[in-house]
């Protein structure tokens, strides 16, 4: 029986965490002939594809790197093409931007299910900032019109199904993460709420065990 892949949640793209995550990923899988599929769904407009491809190729020089896009993105590919890229990937990468946007796009298009299926069959998932948040179970959306209103809970991809994470927000003592926990109420009872700071990462093994690279922050 195939075991779930590991999940690598990066708080930011700088610091030693990226190098350590790369070491763990390549130790587990090697660098040759990996199929990497990446998403830019966290960005309002499609941009940065060349830079993201170059970033991933620099980390995994022998890998085949391809983007997938889903309904809701301006340059969405067909559902069949996107699904095939996700299902055929050894590594799925979700970049930075707006965590609510990427979560809603993947959930609305049904791509969250493809990601969970691929992960359950052994694909590794890598998130960067917003991508890390979106790989968790939930996040929240705050109203621009009424900042004092309680946030709306947003269902995320759920590859890391027992986690709610925030990234590089240590300056506010993880104010938004605490607000999401409060908003979830009883639904958050079985979840771990983790803050991944600048230069840190959280690795979720296929077994579900958590390992920190850099300082750990978990809400009591």
N, C-alpha and C. Protein backbone atom coordinates (compact mmCIF):
# COMPACT_ATOMS: atom_id res chain seq x y z
N UNK A 1 0.84 -1.20 0.00
CA UNK A 1 0.00 0.00 0.00
C UNK A 1 0.87 1.25 0.00
N UNK A 2 0.56 2.22 -0.84
CA UNK A 2 1.34 3.44 -0.93
C UNK A 2 1.09 4.34 0.27
N UNK A 3 2.18 4.90 0.80
CA UNK A 3 2.05 5.81 1.93
C UNK A 3 1.90 7.24 1.44
N UNK A 4 1.23 8.09 2.21
CA UNK A 4 1.15 9.50 1.81
C UNK A 4 2.53 10.12 1.71
N UNK A 5 2.66 11.11 0.84
CA UNK A 5 3.92 11.83 0.72
C UNK A 5 4.13 12.78 1.88
N UNK A 6 5.36 13.26 2.02
CA UNK A 6 5.65 14.27 3.03
C UNK A 6 5.15 15.63 2.54
N UNK A 7 4.90 16.53 3.48
CA UNK A 7 4.47 17.88 3.19
C UNK A 7 5.49 18.84 3.78
N UNK A 8 5.96 19.77 2.97
CA UNK A 8 7.00 20.71 3.39
C UNK A 8 6.40 22.11 3.35
N UNK A 9 6.25 22.73 4.51
CA UNK A 9 5.60 24.03 4.62
C UNK A 9 6.66 25.07 4.97
N UNK A 10 6.95 25.95 4.01
CA UNK A 10 7.96 26.99 4.18
C UNK A 10 7.31 28.31 4.54
N UNK A 11 7.89 29.01 5.53
CA UNK A 11 7.37 30.31 5.88
C UNK A 11 7.76 31.39 4.90
N UNK A 12 8.94 31.26 4.30
CA UNK A 12 9.44 32.24 3.35
C UNK A 12 10.48 31.56 2.47
N UNK A 13 10.96 32.29 1.47
CA UNK A 13 11.91 31.70 0.52
C UNK A 13 13.35 31.96 0.91
N UNK A 14 13.60 32.63 2.05
CA UNK A 14 14.97 32.87 2.44
C UNK A 14 15.31 32.15 3.73
N UNK A 15 16.61 32.10 4.00
CA UNK A 15 17.08 31.40 5.18
C UNK A 15 17.43 29.96 4.86
N UNK A 16 17.88 29.27 5.89
CA UNK A 16 18.36 27.90 5.71
C UNK A 16 17.26 26.88 5.52
N UNK A 17 16.01 27.26 5.76
CA UNK A 17 14.93 26.28 5.69
C UNK A 17 14.76 25.73 4.29
N UNK A 18 14.89 26.58 3.27
CA UNK A 18 14.72 26.11 1.90
C UNK A 18 15.76 25.05 1.58
N UNK A 19 17.00 25.31 1.97
CA UNK A 19 18.07 24.34 1.71
C UNK A 19 17.83 23.03 2.45
N UNK A 20 17.35 23.14 3.69
CA UNK A 20 17.10 21.92 4.47
C UNK A 20 15.93 21.14 3.90
N UNK A 21 14.89 21.84 3.49
CA UNK A 21 13.75 21.17 2.86
C UNK A 21 14.18 20.48 1.58
N UNK A 22 15.02 21.16 0.79
CA UNK A 22 15.53 20.55 -0.43
C UNK A 22 16.32 19.30 -0.11
N UNK A 23 17.15 19.36 0.93
CA UNK A 23 17.94 18.18 1.31
C UNK A 23 17.03 17.03 1.70
N UNK A 24 15.98 17.32 2.47
CA UNK A 24 15.06 16.26 2.89
C UNK A 24 14.33 15.68 1.68
N UNK A 25 13.90 16.55 0.80
CA UNK A 25 13.14 16.11 -0.37
C UNK A 25 14.00 15.24 -1.29
N UNK A 26 15.22 15.69 -1.55
CA UNK A 26 16.08 14.92 -2.45
C UNK A 26 16.60 13.65 -1.81
N UNK A 27 16.79 13.67 -0.49
CA UNK A 27 17.18 12.44 0.20
C UNK A 27 16.08 11.40 0.09
N UNK A 28 14.83 11.86 0.22
CA UNK A 28 13.70 10.93 0.17
C UNK A 28 13.43 10.44 -1.25
N UNK A 29 13.69 11.30 -2.26
CA UNK A 29 13.24 10.98 -3.61
C UNK A 29 14.32 11.02 -4.67
N UNK A 30 15.49 11.59 -4.34
CA UNK A 30 16.49 11.80 -5.38
C UNK A 30 16.10 13.00 -6.24
N UNK A 31 16.99 13.39 -7.15
CA UNK A 31 16.74 14.57 -7.98
C UNK A 31 16.42 14.22 -9.42
N UNK A 32 16.64 12.97 -9.80
CA UNK A 32 16.49 12.63 -11.22
C UNK A 32 15.05 12.26 -11.55
N UNK A 33 14.61 12.75 -12.71
CA UNK A 33 13.34 12.34 -13.31
C UNK A 33 12.12 12.64 -12.45
N UNK A 34 12.24 13.55 -11.51
CA UNK A 34 11.06 13.95 -10.75
C UNK A 34 10.14 14.78 -11.63
N UNK A 35 8.85 14.54 -11.49
CA UNK A 35 7.84 15.35 -12.17
C UNK A 35 7.29 16.34 -11.16
N UNK A 36 7.52 17.63 -11.42
CA UNK A 36 7.09 18.69 -10.51
C UNK A 36 5.99 19.49 -11.18
N UNK A 37 4.84 19.62 -10.52
CA UNK A 37 3.75 20.45 -11.02
C UNK A 37 3.55 21.60 -10.03
N UNK A 38 3.49 22.83 -10.55
CA UNK A 38 3.35 23.98 -9.65
C UNK A 38 2.13 24.81 -9.99
N UNK A 39 1.64 25.50 -8.96
CA UNK A 39 0.44 26.33 -9.08
C UNK A 39 0.78 27.77 -8.77
N UNK A 40 0.23 28.69 -9.56
CA UNK A 40 0.30 30.13 -9.29
C UNK A 40 -1.09 30.68 -8.96
N UNK A 41 -1.97 29.83 -8.49
CA UNK A 41 -3.35 30.24 -8.24
C UNK A 41 -3.48 31.23 -7.10
N UNK A 42 -2.42 31.43 -6.32
CA UNK A 42 -2.46 32.42 -5.25
C UNK A 42 -2.29 33.84 -5.77
N UNK A 43 -2.03 34.01 -7.07
CA UNK A 43 -1.82 35.33 -7.66
C UNK A 43 -3.07 35.76 -8.42
N UNK A 44 -3.47 37.01 -8.27
CA UNK A 44 -4.66 37.52 -8.92
C UNK A 44 -4.54 37.42 -10.44
N UNK A 45 -3.37 37.78 -10.96
CA UNK A 45 -3.12 37.69 -12.41
C UNK A 45 -1.96 36.75 -12.65
N UNK A 46 -1.99 36.00 -13.74
CA UNK A 46 -0.89 35.06 -14.01
C UNK A 46 0.41 35.80 -14.30
N UNK A 47 1.36 35.66 -13.41
CA UNK A 47 2.66 36.28 -13.59
C UNK A 47 3.67 35.47 -12.79
N UNK A 48 4.90 35.63 -13.13
CA UNK A 48 5.94 34.95 -12.37
C UNK A 48 6.16 33.51 -12.75
N UNK A 49 5.53 33.06 -13.85
CA UNK A 49 5.70 31.65 -14.21
C UNK A 49 7.16 31.33 -14.54
N UNK A 50 7.81 32.22 -15.28
CA UNK A 50 9.20 31.98 -15.65
C UNK A 50 10.08 31.96 -14.41
N UNK A 51 9.85 32.90 -13.49
CA UNK A 51 10.66 32.95 -12.27
C UNK A 51 10.43 31.72 -11.40
N UNK A 52 9.18 31.29 -11.28
CA UNK A 52 8.89 30.12 -10.46
C UNK A 52 9.51 28.87 -11.07
N UNK A 53 9.41 28.75 -12.38
CA UNK A 53 10.01 27.60 -13.05
C UNK A 53 11.54 27.60 -12.84
N UNK A 54 12.15 28.80 -12.94
CA UNK A 54 13.60 28.89 -12.73
C UNK A 54 13.97 28.56 -11.29
N UNK A 55 13.15 29.03 -10.33
CA UNK A 55 13.39 28.75 -8.92
C UNK A 55 13.36 27.24 -8.66
N UNK A 56 12.34 26.57 -9.18
CA UNK A 56 12.20 25.13 -8.96
C UNK A 56 13.30 24.35 -9.69
N UNK A 57 13.65 24.80 -10.88
CA UNK A 57 14.70 24.12 -11.64
C UNK A 57 16.06 24.29 -10.95
N UNK A 58 16.27 25.45 -10.32
CA UNK A 58 17.53 25.64 -9.59
C UNK A 58 17.62 24.72 -8.38
N UNK A 59 16.47 24.42 -7.78
CA UNK A 59 16.45 23.51 -6.63
C UNK A 59 16.53 22.05 -7.06
N UNK A 60 15.88 21.73 -8.17
CA UNK A 60 15.81 20.35 -8.65
C UNK A 60 16.20 20.34 -10.13
N UNK A 61 17.49 20.45 -10.43
CA UNK A 61 17.93 20.70 -11.81
C UNK A 61 17.61 19.59 -12.79
N UNK A 62 17.41 18.38 -12.33
CA UNK A 62 17.11 17.28 -13.25
C UNK A 62 15.63 16.96 -13.34
N UNK A 63 14.80 17.76 -12.69
CA UNK A 63 13.36 17.49 -12.68
C UNK A 63 12.69 18.08 -13.91
N UNK A 64 11.54 17.53 -14.23
CA UNK A 64 10.66 18.09 -15.24
C UNK A 64 9.64 18.96 -14.51
N UNK A 65 9.60 20.26 -14.86
CA UNK A 65 8.79 21.23 -14.13
C UNK A 65 7.70 21.78 -15.04
N UNK A 66 6.45 21.70 -14.60
CA UNK A 66 5.33 22.19 -15.41
C UNK A 66 4.29 22.82 -14.50
N UNK A 67 3.65 23.88 -15.00
CA UNK A 67 2.59 24.53 -14.26
C UNK A 67 1.25 23.89 -14.56
N UNK A 68 0.35 23.88 -13.57
CA UNK A 68 -1.05 23.57 -13.84
C UNK A 68 -1.90 24.76 -13.39
N UNK A 69 -2.96 25.03 -14.12
CA UNK A 69 -3.87 26.13 -13.78
C UNK A 69 -5.30 25.61 -13.80
N UNK A 70 -6.14 26.22 -12.99
CA UNK A 70 -7.50 25.69 -12.79
C UNK A 70 -8.54 26.77 -13.06
N UNK A 71 -9.79 26.36 -13.09
CA UNK A 71 -10.90 27.28 -13.29
C UNK A 71 -10.83 28.41 -12.27
N UNK A 72 -11.05 29.63 -12.75
CA UNK A 72 -10.92 30.81 -11.90
C UNK A 72 -9.67 31.59 -12.21
N UNK A 73 -8.65 30.94 -12.76
CA UNK A 73 -7.45 31.63 -13.22
C UNK A 73 -7.69 32.12 -14.65
N UNK A 74 -7.08 33.26 -14.97
CA UNK A 74 -7.33 33.87 -16.28
C UNK A 74 -6.90 32.97 -17.42
N UNK A 75 -5.86 32.19 -17.20
CA UNK A 75 -5.34 31.31 -18.25
C UNK A 75 -5.53 29.83 -17.88
N UNK A 76 -6.70 29.53 -17.33
CA UNK A 76 -6.97 28.15 -16.89
C UNK A 76 -6.86 27.18 -18.06
N UNK A 77 -6.24 26.04 -17.83
CA UNK A 77 -6.20 24.97 -18.81
C UNK A 77 -7.44 24.10 -18.64
N UNK A 78 -7.62 23.16 -19.49
CA UNK A 78 -8.78 22.28 -19.36
C UNK A 78 -8.68 21.49 -18.06
N UNK A 79 -9.83 21.14 -17.53
CA UNK A 79 -9.84 20.36 -16.29
C UNK A 79 -9.06 19.06 -16.45
N UNK A 80 -9.23 18.39 -17.58
CA UNK A 80 -8.53 17.11 -17.79
C UNK A 80 -7.02 17.30 -17.79
N UNK A 81 -6.54 18.37 -18.43
CA UNK A 81 -5.09 18.62 -18.48
C UNK A 81 -4.54 18.93 -17.10
N UNK A 82 -5.24 19.79 -16.35
CA UNK A 82 -4.78 20.14 -15.01
C UNK A 82 -4.78 18.91 -14.10
N UNK A 83 -5.84 18.12 -14.19
CA UNK A 83 -5.93 16.93 -13.34
C UNK A 83 -4.82 15.95 -13.66
N UNK A 84 -4.50 15.77 -14.94
CA UNK A 84 -3.44 14.85 -15.33
C UNK A 84 -2.09 15.31 -14.80
N UNK A 85 -1.83 16.62 -14.83
CA UNK A 85 -0.56 17.14 -14.31
C UNK A 85 -0.44 16.89 -12.81
N UNK A 86 -1.54 17.11 -12.09
CA UNK A 86 -1.51 16.88 -10.65
C UNK A 86 -1.32 15.40 -10.35
N UNK A 87 -2.07 14.56 -11.01
CA UNK A 87 -2.00 13.13 -10.72
C UNK A 87 -0.68 12.51 -11.15
N UNK A 88 -0.01 13.12 -12.13
CA UNK A 88 1.26 12.57 -12.60
C UNK A 88 2.47 13.10 -11.89
N UNK A 89 2.29 14.00 -10.92
CA UNK A 89 3.42 14.68 -10.28
C UNK A 89 3.98 13.87 -9.12
N UNK A 90 5.30 13.93 -8.99
CA UNK A 90 5.97 13.43 -7.78
C UNK A 90 5.99 14.50 -6.70
N UNK A 91 6.02 15.78 -7.14
CA UNK A 91 6.08 16.91 -6.22
C UNK A 91 5.07 17.96 -6.70
N UNK A 92 4.25 18.46 -5.78
CA UNK A 92 3.30 19.53 -6.07
C UNK A 92 3.74 20.77 -5.29
N UNK A 93 3.90 21.89 -6.00
CA UNK A 93 4.41 23.11 -5.38
C UNK A 93 3.37 24.21 -5.48
N UNK A 94 3.12 24.89 -4.34
CA UNK A 94 2.15 25.98 -4.28
C UNK A 94 2.87 27.23 -3.78
N UNK A 95 2.92 28.25 -4.64
CA UNK A 95 3.68 29.45 -4.34
C UNK A 95 2.92 30.47 -3.51
N UNK A 96 3.59 31.62 -3.31
CA UNK A 96 3.05 32.65 -2.45
C UNK A 96 2.04 33.55 -3.14
N UNK A 97 1.43 34.40 -2.34
CA UNK A 97 0.39 35.31 -2.85
C UNK A 97 -0.72 35.45 -1.83
N UNK A 98 -1.93 35.18 -2.25
CA UNK A 98 -3.13 35.33 -1.42
C UNK A 98 -3.64 33.93 -1.05
N UNK A 99 -3.58 33.55 0.23
CA UNK A 99 -3.99 32.19 0.61
C UNK A 99 -5.49 31.94 0.40
N UNK A 100 -6.30 32.97 0.57
CA UNK A 100 -7.74 32.80 0.36
C UNK A 100 -8.02 32.55 -1.11
N UNK A 101 -7.33 33.28 -1.97
CA UNK A 101 -7.54 33.14 -3.41
C UNK A 101 -7.19 31.74 -3.88
N UNK A 102 -6.02 31.23 -3.50
CA UNK A 102 -5.63 29.90 -3.97
C UNK A 102 -6.54 28.84 -3.38
N UNK A 103 -6.93 28.99 -2.11
CA UNK A 103 -7.82 28.00 -1.50
C UNK A 103 -9.16 27.95 -2.22
N UNK A 104 -9.73 29.12 -2.46
CA UNK A 104 -11.05 29.15 -3.10
C UNK A 104 -10.98 28.64 -4.53
N UNK A 105 -9.93 28.99 -5.25
CA UNK A 105 -9.82 28.52 -6.62
C UNK A 105 -9.68 27.01 -6.69
N UNK A 106 -8.88 26.44 -5.83
CA UNK A 106 -8.69 24.99 -5.90
C UNK A 106 -9.91 24.24 -5.40
N UNK A 107 -10.54 24.74 -4.35
CA UNK A 107 -11.73 24.07 -3.82
C UNK A 107 -12.89 24.19 -4.81
N UNK A 108 -13.11 25.38 -5.35
CA UNK A 108 -14.22 25.59 -6.27
C UNK A 108 -14.06 24.76 -7.54
N UNK A 109 -12.84 24.62 -8.02
CA UNK A 109 -12.58 23.86 -9.25
C UNK A 109 -12.55 22.35 -9.02
N UNK A 110 -12.49 21.94 -7.76
CA UNK A 110 -12.35 20.52 -7.45
C UNK A 110 -10.93 20.04 -7.42
N UNK A 111 -9.96 20.95 -7.67
CA UNK A 111 -8.55 20.54 -7.71
C UNK A 111 -8.02 20.15 -6.33
N UNK A 112 -8.66 20.65 -5.27
CA UNK A 112 -8.22 20.24 -3.93
C UNK A 112 -8.32 18.73 -3.76
N UNK A 113 -9.35 18.14 -4.36
CA UNK A 113 -9.51 16.68 -4.27
C UNK A 113 -8.40 15.96 -5.02
N UNK A 114 -8.01 16.48 -6.20
CA UNK A 114 -6.92 15.85 -6.95
C UNK A 114 -5.62 15.90 -6.15
N UNK A 115 -5.40 17.05 -5.49
CA UNK A 115 -4.17 17.21 -4.69
C UNK A 115 -4.15 16.21 -3.54
N UNK A 116 -5.27 16.10 -2.83
CA UNK A 116 -5.33 15.15 -1.71
C UNK A 116 -5.13 13.72 -2.20
N UNK A 117 -5.72 13.38 -3.34
CA UNK A 117 -5.54 12.03 -3.89
C UNK A 117 -4.09 11.78 -4.25
N UNK A 118 -3.46 12.75 -4.92
CA UNK A 118 -2.05 12.58 -5.30
C UNK A 118 -1.18 12.46 -4.07
N UNK A 119 -1.44 13.28 -3.05
CA UNK A 119 -0.67 13.20 -1.81
C UNK A 119 -0.85 11.85 -1.14
N UNK A 120 -2.09 11.36 -1.09
CA UNK A 120 -2.35 10.06 -0.45
C UNK A 120 -1.63 8.92 -1.17
N UNK A 121 -1.37 9.11 -2.47
CA UNK A 121 -0.69 8.08 -3.26
C UNK A 121 0.82 8.27 -3.29
N UNK A 122 1.33 9.25 -2.53
CA UNK A 122 2.77 9.37 -2.38
C UNK A 122 3.40 10.65 -2.87
N UNK A 123 2.65 11.54 -3.51
CA UNK A 123 3.24 12.79 -3.98
C UNK A 123 3.60 13.69 -2.80
N UNK A 124 4.78 14.30 -2.87
CA UNK A 124 5.15 15.30 -1.88
C UNK A 124 4.49 16.62 -2.21
N UNK A 125 4.13 17.39 -1.19
CA UNK A 125 3.56 18.72 -1.38
C UNK A 125 4.50 19.73 -0.73
N UNK A 126 4.75 20.82 -1.45
CA UNK A 126 5.61 21.89 -0.94
C UNK A 126 4.82 23.19 -1.03
N UNK A 127 4.74 23.90 0.08
CA UNK A 127 4.08 25.19 0.10
C UNK A 127 5.06 26.28 0.47
N UNK A 128 4.85 27.46 -0.08
CA UNK A 128 5.67 28.63 0.25
C UNK A 128 4.73 29.76 0.65
N UNK A 129 4.80 30.18 1.91
CA UNK A 129 3.99 31.29 2.41
C UNK A 129 2.49 30.99 2.20
N UNK A 130 1.82 31.71 1.32
CA UNK A 130 0.39 31.46 1.09
C UNK A 130 0.13 30.02 0.68
N UNK A 131 1.06 29.44 -0.07
CA UNK A 131 0.90 28.04 -0.46
C UNK A 131 0.91 27.11 0.73
N UNK A 132 1.72 27.43 1.74
CA UNK A 132 1.74 26.63 2.96
C UNK A 132 0.41 26.74 3.70
N UNK A 133 -0.11 27.97 3.81
CA UNK A 133 -1.40 28.17 4.47
C UNK A 133 -2.48 27.36 3.77
N UNK A 134 -2.48 27.42 2.44
CA UNK A 134 -3.53 26.77 1.66
C UNK A 134 -3.47 25.25 1.74
N UNK A 135 -2.32 24.68 2.04
CA UNK A 135 -2.23 23.22 2.16
C UNK A 135 -2.83 22.71 3.46
N UNK A 136 -3.10 23.60 4.40
CA UNK A 136 -3.71 23.20 5.66
C UNK A 136 -5.21 22.98 5.53
N UNK A 137 -5.87 22.91 6.68
CA UNK A 137 -7.30 22.57 6.70
C UNK A 137 -8.20 23.78 6.49
N UNK A 138 -7.87 24.91 7.11
CA UNK A 138 -8.71 26.11 7.04
C UNK A 138 -7.84 27.36 7.06
N UNK A 139 -8.42 28.44 6.58
CA UNK A 139 -7.92 29.79 6.84
C UNK A 139 -9.15 30.67 6.97
N UNK A 140 -9.00 31.98 6.85
CA UNK A 140 -10.14 32.87 6.99
C UNK A 140 -9.97 34.08 6.10
N UNK A 141 -11.09 34.73 5.81
CA UNK A 141 -11.11 35.93 4.99
C UNK A 141 -11.69 37.08 5.80
N UNK A 142 -10.96 38.20 5.78
CA UNK A 142 -11.41 39.39 6.50
C UNK A 142 -12.07 40.36 5.53
N UNK A 143 -13.09 41.04 5.97
CA UNK A 143 -13.82 41.99 5.14
C UNK A 143 -13.03 43.29 5.00
N UNK A 144 -12.82 43.73 3.75
CA UNK A 144 -12.20 45.04 3.52
C UNK A 144 -13.14 46.17 3.90
N UNK A 145 -14.45 45.94 3.75
CA UNK A 145 -15.44 46.98 4.04
C UNK A 145 -15.66 47.17 5.53
N UNK A 146 -15.52 46.10 6.29
CA UNK A 146 -15.75 46.18 7.74
C UNK A 146 -14.68 45.38 8.46
N UNK A 147 -13.50 45.97 8.66
CA UNK A 147 -12.40 45.24 9.30
C UNK A 147 -12.72 44.73 10.69
N UNK A 148 -13.73 45.31 11.34
CA UNK A 148 -14.08 44.87 12.69
C UNK A 148 -14.96 43.63 12.69
N UNK A 149 -15.47 43.24 11.51
CA UNK A 149 -16.34 42.06 11.43
C UNK A 149 -15.52 40.79 11.64
N UNK A 150 -16.12 39.77 12.25
CA UNK A 150 -15.39 38.51 12.41
C UNK A 150 -15.05 37.91 11.05
N UNK A 151 -13.92 37.24 10.95
CA UNK A 151 -13.54 36.67 9.65
C UNK A 151 -14.44 35.51 9.25
N UNK A 152 -14.49 35.28 7.95
CA UNK A 152 -15.24 34.15 7.39
C UNK A 152 -14.29 32.97 7.23
N UNK A 153 -14.67 31.82 7.75
CA UNK A 153 -13.84 30.63 7.64
C UNK A 153 -13.78 30.18 6.17
N UNK A 154 -12.59 29.84 5.72
CA UNK A 154 -12.36 29.39 4.35
C UNK A 154 -11.76 27.98 4.40
N UNK A 155 -12.41 27.06 3.71
CA UNK A 155 -11.86 25.70 3.63
C UNK A 155 -10.68 25.68 2.68
N UNK A 156 -9.61 25.04 3.09
CA UNK A 156 -8.39 25.00 2.28
C UNK A 156 -8.22 23.62 1.64
N UNK A 157 -7.07 23.39 1.03
CA UNK A 157 -6.82 22.16 0.28
C UNK A 157 -6.93 20.93 1.18
N UNK A 158 -6.39 21.01 2.39
CA UNK A 158 -6.54 19.91 3.33
C UNK A 158 -5.57 18.77 3.16
N UNK A 159 -4.47 18.97 2.44
CA UNK A 159 -3.45 17.92 2.38
C UNK A 159 -2.87 17.70 3.78
N UNK A 160 -2.61 18.79 4.48
CA UNK A 160 -2.22 18.73 5.89
C UNK A 160 -3.51 18.90 6.70
N UNK A 161 -4.25 17.82 6.83
CA UNK A 161 -5.64 17.90 7.27
C UNK A 161 -5.81 18.23 8.74
N UNK A 162 -4.76 18.11 9.54
CA UNK A 162 -4.89 18.39 10.98
C UNK A 162 -4.22 19.69 11.37
N UNK A 163 -3.83 20.49 10.37
CA UNK A 163 -3.10 21.72 10.64
C UNK A 163 -3.85 22.95 10.15
N UNK A 164 -3.71 24.03 10.89
CA UNK A 164 -3.99 25.37 10.41
C UNK A 164 -2.70 26.15 10.63
N UNK A 165 -2.17 26.75 9.56
CA UNK A 165 -0.87 27.42 9.69
C UNK A 165 -0.97 28.86 9.21
N UNK A 166 -0.10 29.69 9.74
CA UNK A 166 0.14 31.03 9.23
C UNK A 166 1.64 31.17 9.03
N UNK A 167 2.04 32.14 8.21
CA UNK A 167 3.44 32.29 7.85
C UNK A 167 3.93 33.71 8.09
N UNK A 168 5.17 33.82 8.49
CA UNK A 168 5.92 35.07 8.68
C UNK A 168 5.08 36.20 9.28
N UNK A 169 4.35 35.89 10.33
CA UNK A 169 3.55 36.91 11.01
C UNK A 169 3.95 37.00 12.48
N UNK A 170 5.21 36.65 12.78
CA UNK A 170 5.65 36.68 14.17
C UNK A 170 5.64 38.09 14.74
N UNK A 171 5.72 39.12 13.87
CA UNK A 171 5.71 40.50 14.34
C UNK A 171 4.43 40.89 15.04
N UNK A 172 3.31 40.23 14.70
CA UNK A 172 2.03 40.53 15.36
C UNK A 172 1.69 39.48 16.42
N UNK A 173 2.66 38.61 16.73
CA UNK A 173 2.42 37.50 17.65
C UNK A 173 1.28 36.62 17.14
N UNK A 174 1.24 36.44 15.81
CA UNK A 174 0.31 35.52 15.17
C UNK A 174 -1.14 35.88 15.43
N UNK A 175 -1.42 37.16 15.31
CA UNK A 175 -2.77 37.68 15.58
C UNK A 175 -3.82 37.01 14.69
N UNK A 176 -3.53 36.88 13.39
CA UNK A 176 -4.53 36.29 12.49
C UNK A 176 -4.73 34.81 12.78
N UNK A 177 -3.67 34.09 13.08
CA UNK A 177 -3.80 32.67 13.41
C UNK A 177 -4.69 32.49 14.64
N UNK A 178 -4.51 33.34 15.63
CA UNK A 178 -5.34 33.27 16.84
C UNK A 178 -6.81 33.58 16.50
N UNK A 179 -7.01 34.54 15.60
CA UNK A 179 -8.38 34.89 15.21
C UNK A 179 -9.05 33.74 14.46
N UNK A 180 -8.28 33.04 13.62
CA UNK A 180 -8.84 31.90 12.90
C UNK A 180 -9.24 30.81 13.89
N UNK A 181 -8.40 30.55 14.88
CA UNK A 181 -8.74 29.54 15.88
C UNK A 181 -10.03 29.90 16.62
N UNK A 182 -10.15 31.16 16.98
CA UNK A 182 -11.37 31.59 17.67
C UNK A 182 -12.59 31.44 16.78
N UNK A 183 -12.42 31.79 15.51
CA UNK A 183 -13.53 31.72 14.57
C UNK A 183 -13.98 30.28 14.32
N UNK A 184 -13.04 29.35 14.33
CA UNK A 184 -13.37 27.95 14.08
C UNK A 184 -14.14 27.33 15.25
N UNK A 185 -13.93 27.82 16.44
CA UNK A 185 -14.65 27.29 17.59
C UNK A 185 -14.40 25.80 17.78
N UNK A 186 -15.47 25.03 17.94
CA UNK A 186 -15.33 23.61 18.23
C UNK A 186 -14.69 22.85 17.08
N UNK A 187 -14.75 23.39 15.85
CA UNK A 187 -14.12 22.71 14.72
C UNK A 187 -12.60 22.68 14.84
N UNK A 188 -12.06 23.58 15.63
CA UNK A 188 -10.62 23.62 15.80
C UNK A 188 -10.09 22.74 16.92
N UNK A 189 -11.00 22.01 17.57
CA UNK A 189 -10.59 21.24 18.74
C UNK A 189 -9.55 20.18 18.48
N UNK A 190 -9.57 19.56 17.30
CA UNK A 190 -8.63 18.49 16.99
C UNK A 190 -7.49 18.96 16.08
N UNK A 191 -7.40 20.27 15.87
CA UNK A 191 -6.40 20.81 14.96
C UNK A 191 -5.21 21.39 15.71
N UNK A 192 -4.06 21.40 15.05
CA UNK A 192 -2.87 22.07 15.54
C UNK A 192 -2.73 23.40 14.81
N UNK A 193 -2.51 24.48 15.56
CA UNK A 193 -2.37 25.82 14.99
C UNK A 193 -0.90 26.22 15.09
N UNK A 194 -0.25 26.31 13.94
CA UNK A 194 1.20 26.49 13.90
C UNK A 194 1.56 27.76 13.15
N UNK A 195 2.48 28.53 13.70
CA UNK A 195 3.01 29.72 13.04
C UNK A 195 4.41 29.44 12.52
N UNK A 196 4.61 29.61 11.22
CA UNK A 196 5.89 29.31 10.58
C UNK A 196 6.55 30.64 10.24
N UNK A 197 7.59 30.98 10.98
CA UNK A 197 8.20 32.29 10.83
C UNK A 197 9.12 32.39 9.63
N UNK A 198 9.66 33.60 9.41
CA UNK A 198 10.64 33.83 8.36
C UNK A 198 11.80 32.85 8.53
N UNK A 199 12.18 32.20 7.46
CA UNK A 199 13.33 31.30 7.50
C UNK A 199 13.09 29.98 8.19
N UNK A 200 11.84 29.70 8.57
CA UNK A 200 11.52 28.43 9.23
C UNK A 200 10.66 27.57 8.30
N UNK A 201 10.53 26.31 8.66
CA UNK A 201 9.69 25.38 7.91
C UNK A 201 9.13 24.34 8.86
N UNK A 202 8.01 23.77 8.46
CA UNK A 202 7.39 22.67 9.19
C UNK A 202 7.23 21.51 8.22
N UNK A 203 7.79 20.37 8.57
CA UNK A 203 7.71 19.17 7.73
C UNK A 203 6.69 18.22 8.36
N UNK A 204 5.72 17.82 7.56
CA UNK A 204 4.70 16.87 8.00
C UNK A 204 5.00 15.54 7.32
N UNK A 205 5.44 14.57 8.09
CA UNK A 205 5.76 13.26 7.51
C UNK A 205 4.48 12.57 7.06
N UNK A 206 4.64 11.60 6.17
CA UNK A 206 3.49 10.83 5.72
C UNK A 206 2.75 10.18 6.87
N UNK A 207 3.46 9.91 7.96
CA UNK A 207 2.85 9.32 9.16
C UNK A 207 2.04 10.33 9.96
N UNK A 208 2.22 11.63 9.63
CA UNK A 208 1.55 12.69 10.37
C UNK A 208 2.44 13.35 11.41
N UNK A 209 3.63 12.80 11.66
CA UNK A 209 4.54 13.41 12.63
C UNK A 209 5.02 14.76 12.12
N UNK A 210 5.22 15.70 13.05
CA UNK A 210 5.67 17.04 12.72
C UNK A 210 7.14 17.21 13.09
N UNK A 211 7.88 17.89 12.21
CA UNK A 211 9.28 18.20 12.48
C UNK A 211 9.55 19.64 12.06
N UNK A 212 10.13 20.40 12.95
CA UNK A 212 10.40 21.80 12.68
C UNK A 212 11.82 22.00 12.17
N UNK A 213 11.97 22.91 11.22
CA UNK A 213 13.26 23.44 10.81
C UNK A 213 13.25 24.90 11.22
N UNK A 214 14.06 25.26 12.19
CA UNK A 214 13.98 26.61 12.76
C UNK A 214 13.04 26.63 13.94
N UNK A 215 12.76 27.83 14.47
CA UNK A 215 11.95 27.96 15.68
C UNK A 215 10.54 27.43 15.50
N UNK A 216 10.06 26.73 16.52
CA UNK A 216 8.70 26.18 16.50
C UNK A 216 7.75 27.13 17.23
N UNK A 217 6.55 27.28 16.70
CA UNK A 217 5.51 28.07 17.37
C UNK A 217 4.17 27.38 17.16
N UNK A 218 3.63 26.82 18.22
CA UNK A 218 2.33 26.18 18.19
C UNK A 218 1.47 26.82 19.28
N UNK A 219 0.25 27.24 18.91
CA UNK A 219 -0.62 27.85 19.90
C UNK A 219 -1.01 26.84 20.95
N UNK A 220 -1.01 27.28 22.20
CA UNK A 220 -1.41 26.41 23.32
C UNK A 220 -2.90 26.11 23.23
